[in-house]
């Protein structure tokens, strides 16, 4: 058995890290963690949970994200509409491999998905 556990999902950003963290905090109906700055911010930092970490970097990796956040919701269309209202951009709807989801980009162009998941 491995001792490895997911601790953080890091999202590089070219703009204000706390503003991008604010987008995800609103999307997840939570708050940006204390101590956020334009250079570094987190959402969800507490014992035993995965933290979204936002770090301002001088140059982001160009091209498609190789890692992105998958979010699950009971009412996917409503959450997609809410995400767009918060500043996300709708990219495409998918129905593949027995799953249905929508891909969006956050205000800085990072991809994320909203789909129906187990326990949603």
C-alpha atoms as a PDB file:
ATOM      1  CA  UNK A   1       0.000   0.000   0.000  1.00  0.00           C
ATOM      2  CA  UNK A   2       1.316   3.422  -0.943  1.00  0.00           C
ATOM      3  CA  UNK A   3       1.834   6.267   1.481  1.00  0.00           C
ATOM      4  CA  UNK A   4       1.267   8.741  -1.332  1.00  0.00           C
ATOM      5  CA  UNK A   5      -1.854  10.903  -1.184  1.00  0.00           C
ATOM      6  CA  UNK A   6      -3.017  13.761  -3.353  1.00  0.00           C
ATOM      7  CA  UNK A   7      -2.314  16.933  -1.431  1.00  0.00           C
ATOM      8  CA  UNK A   8      -2.708  19.742  -3.965  1.00  0.00           C
ATOM      9  CA  UNK A   9      -3.803  20.400  -7.486  1.00  0.00           C
ATOM     10  CA  UNK A  10      -1.663  23.304  -8.645  1.00  0.00           C
ATOM     11  CA  UNK A  11      -2.891  25.766 -11.234  1.00  0.00           C
ATOM     12  CA  UNK A  12      -0.327  28.139 -12.725  1.00  0.00           C
ATOM     13  CA  UNK A  13      -1.686  31.567 -13.547  1.00  0.00           C
ATOM     14  CA  UNK A  14      -0.327  34.632 -15.293  1.00  0.00           C
ATOM     15  CA  UNK A  15      -2.575  37.108 -13.498  1.00  0.00           C
ATOM     16  CA  UNK A  16      -3.755  37.563  -9.920  1.00  0.00           C
ATOM     17  CA  UNK A  17      -3.633  34.193  -8.110  1.00  0.00           C
ATOM     18  CA  UNK A  18      -6.144  35.317  -5.478  1.00  0.00           C
ATOM     19  CA  UNK A  19      -8.630  36.407  -8.177  1.00  0.00           C
ATOM     20  CA  UNK A  20      -8.435  33.031  -9.928  1.00  0.00           C
ATOM     21  CA  UNK A  21      -8.758  31.287  -6.554  1.00  0.00           C
ATOM     22  CA  UNK A  22     -11.841  33.457  -5.971  1.00  0.00           C
ATOM     23  CA  UNK A  23     -13.409  32.129  -9.176  1.00  0.00           C
ATOM     24  CA  UNK A  24     -12.938  28.520  -8.033  1.00  0.00           C
ATOM     25  CA  UNK A  25     -14.052  29.315  -4.480  1.00  0.00           C
ATOM     26  CA  UNK A  26     -17.314  30.763  -5.813  1.00  0.00           C
ATOM     27  CA  UNK A  27     -17.710  27.845  -8.218  1.00  0.00           C
ATOM     28  CA  UNK A  28     -17.260  25.376  -5.335  1.00  0.00           C
ATOM     29  CA  UNK A  29     -19.381  27.493  -2.964  1.00  0.00           C
ATOM     30  CA  UNK A  30     -16.564  27.983  -0.491  1.00  0.00           C
ATOM     31  CA  UNK A  31     -13.995  30.650   0.331  1.00  0.00           C
ATOM     32  CA  UNK A  32     -10.421  31.449  -0.570  1.00  0.00           C
ATOM     33  CA  UNK A  33      -8.155  30.390   2.286  1.00  0.00           C
ATOM     34  CA  UNK A  34      -6.612  33.007   4.552  1.00  0.00           C
ATOM     35  CA  UNK A  35      -3.318  34.539   3.416  1.00  0.00           C
ATOM     36  CA  UNK A  36      -4.103  34.812  -0.308  1.00  0.00           C
ATOM     37  CA  UNK A  37      -2.071  37.272  -2.372  1.00  0.00           C
ATOM     38  CA  UNK A  38      -1.708  38.154  -6.056  1.00  0.00           C
ATOM     39  CA  UNK A  39       1.140  35.598  -6.173  1.00  0.00           C
ATOM     40  CA  UNK A  40      -0.205  32.633  -4.192  1.00  0.00           C
ATOM     41  CA  UNK A  41      -3.619  31.463  -3.002  1.00  0.00           C
ATOM     42  CA  UNK A  42      -5.366  28.250  -1.987  1.00  0.00           C
ATOM     43  CA  UNK A  43      -8.902  26.931  -1.755  1.00  0.00           C
ATOM     44  CA  UNK A  44      -9.904  24.004   0.473  1.00  0.00           C
ATOM     45  CA  UNK A  45      -6.790  23.779   2.639  1.00  0.00           C
ATOM     46  CA  UNK A  46      -7.769  21.668   5.639  1.00  0.00           C
ATOM     47  CA  UNK A  47      -6.644  18.343   7.028  1.00  0.00           C
ATOM     48  CA  UNK A  48      -7.498  15.404   4.830  1.00  0.00           C
ATOM     49  CA  UNK A  49      -8.786  17.258   1.780  1.00  0.00           C
ATOM     50  CA  UNK A  50      -7.296  18.087  -1.604  1.00  0.00           C
ATOM     51  CA  UNK A  51      -6.244  21.719  -1.921  1.00  0.00           C
ATOM     52  CA  UNK A  52      -6.459  23.787  -5.071  1.00  0.00           C
ATOM     53  CA  UNK A  53      -3.270  25.861  -5.141  1.00  0.00           C
ATOM     54  CA  UNK A  54      -2.848  28.883  -7.425  1.00  0.00           C
ATOM     55  CA  UNK A  55       0.639  30.174  -8.172  1.00  0.00           C
ATOM     56  CA  UNK A  56       1.527  33.146 -10.330  1.00  0.00           C
ATOM     57  CA  UNK A  57       4.274  32.177 -12.773  1.00  0.00           C
ATOM     58  CA  UNK A  58       6.186  34.251 -15.328  1.00  0.00           C
ATOM     59  CA  UNK A  59       5.278  32.002 -18.273  1.00  0.00           C
ATOM     60  CA  UNK A  60       2.580  29.371 -18.393  1.00  0.00           C
ATOM     61  CA  UNK A  61       3.021  26.193 -20.372  1.00  0.00           C
ATOM     62  CA  UNK A  62       1.460  26.792 -23.810  1.00  0.00           C
ATOM     63  CA  UNK A  63      -1.090  24.447 -25.364  1.00  0.00           C
ATOM     64  CA  UNK A  64      -3.671  22.096 -23.886  1.00  0.00           C
ATOM     65  CA  UNK A  65      -3.663  21.438 -20.180  1.00  0.00           C
ATOM     66  CA  UNK A  66      -2.452  17.940 -19.440  1.00  0.00           C
ATOM     67  CA  UNK A  67      -4.100  18.080 -16.002  1.00  0.00           C
ATOM     68  CA  UNK A  68      -7.463  19.618 -15.271  1.00  0.00           C
ATOM     69  CA  UNK A  69     -10.105  19.624 -12.536  1.00  0.00           C
ATOM     70  CA  UNK A  70     -13.183  17.388 -12.889  1.00  0.00           C
ATOM     71  CA  UNK A  71     -16.178  18.542 -10.871  1.00  0.00           C
ATOM     72  CA  UNK A  72     -19.317  16.459 -10.324  1.00  0.00           C
ATOM     73  CA  UNK A  73     -22.818  17.860  -9.906  1.00  0.00           C
ATOM     74  CA  UNK A  74     -26.358  16.544  -9.570  1.00  0.00           C
ATOM     75  CA  UNK A  75     -27.645  19.255 -11.948  1.00  0.00           C
ATOM     76  CA  UNK A  76     -24.927  19.647 -14.582  1.00  0.00           C
ATOM     77  CA  UNK A  77     -26.739  22.211 -16.809  1.00  0.00           C
ATOM     78  CA  UNK A  78     -27.452  24.478 -13.825  1.00  0.00           C
ATOM     79  CA  UNK A  79     -23.844  24.323 -12.614  1.00  0.00           C
ATOM     80  CA  UNK A  80     -22.506  24.965 -16.129  1.00  0.00           C
ATOM     81  CA  UNK A  81     -24.778  28.007 -16.412  1.00  0.00           C
ATOM     82  CA  UNK A  82     -23.607  29.226 -12.989  1.00  0.00           C
ATOM     83  CA  UNK A  83     -19.943  28.725 -13.957  1.00  0.00           C
ATOM     84  CA  UNK A  84     -20.447  30.769 -17.133  1.00  0.00           C
ATOM     85  CA  UNK A  85     -22.112  33.470 -15.039  1.00  0.00           C
ATOM     86  CA  UNK A  86     -18.994  33.556 -12.848  1.00  0.00           C
ATOM     87  CA  UNK A  87     -16.735  34.091 -15.862  1.00  0.00           C
ATOM     88  CA  UNK A  88     -16.117  30.614 -17.302  1.00  0.00           C
ATOM     89  CA  UNK A  89     -16.356  29.991 -21.030  1.00  0.00           C
ATOM     90  CA  UNK A  90     -18.248  26.994 -22.434  1.00  0.00           C
ATOM     91  CA  UNK A  91     -15.994  24.889 -24.684  1.00  0.00           C
ATOM     92  CA  UNK A  92     -17.914  21.728 -25.598  1.00  0.00           C
ATOM     93  CA  UNK A  93     -20.393  19.131 -24.377  1.00  0.00           C
ATOM     94  CA  UNK A  94     -19.357  15.467 -24.440  1.00  0.00           C
ATOM     95  CA  UNK A  95     -21.191  12.133 -24.301  1.00  0.00           C
ATOM     96  CA  UNK A  96     -18.493   9.479 -24.477  1.00  0.00           C
ATOM     97  CA  UNK A  97     -17.453   6.258 -22.760  1.00  0.00           C
ATOM     98  CA  UNK A  98     -20.751   6.088 -20.882  1.00  0.00           C
ATOM     99  CA  UNK A  99     -20.242   9.538 -19.337  1.00  0.00           C
ATOM    100  CA  UNK A 100     -21.697  12.968 -20.043  1.00  0.00           C
ATOM    101  CA  UNK A 101     -19.802  16.153 -19.186  1.00  0.00           C
ATOM    102  CA  UNK A 102     -19.158  19.743 -20.241  1.00  0.00           C
ATOM    103  CA  UNK A 103     -15.694  21.215 -20.703  1.00  0.00           C
ATOM    104  CA  UNK A 104     -15.197  24.866 -19.812  1.00  0.00           C
ATOM    105  CA  UNK A 105     -12.306  27.253 -19.273  1.00  0.00           C
ATOM    106  CA  UNK A 106     -11.786  29.400 -16.206  1.00  0.00           C
ATOM    107  CA  UNK A 107     -11.116  33.159 -16.608  1.00  0.00           C
ATOM    108  CA  UNK A 108      -7.429  32.444 -17.397  1.00  0.00           C
ATOM    109  CA  UNK A 109      -8.146  29.724 -19.967  1.00  0.00           C
ATOM    110  CA  UNK A 110      -7.481  26.643 -17.789  1.00  0.00           C
ATOM    111  CA  UNK A 111      -9.727  23.727 -18.716  1.00  0.00           C
ATOM    112  CA  UNK A 112     -12.119  22.113 -16.242  1.00  0.00           C
ATOM    113  CA  UNK A 113     -15.063  19.746 -16.591  1.00  0.00           C
ATOM    114  CA  UNK A 114     -18.464  19.556 -14.937  1.00  0.00           C
ATOM    115  CA  UNK A 115     -20.234  16.213 -15.197  1.00  0.00           C
ATOM    116  CA  UNK A 116     -22.571  13.874 -13.405  1.00  0.00           C
ATOM    117  CA  UNK A 117     -20.713  11.669 -10.983  1.00  0.00           C
ATOM    118  CA  UNK A 118     -21.353   8.892  -8.550  1.00  0.00           C
ATOM    119  CA  UNK A 119     -22.910  10.295  -5.400  1.00  0.00           C
ATOM    120  CA  UNK A 120     -23.979  13.509  -7.139  1.00  0.00           C
END
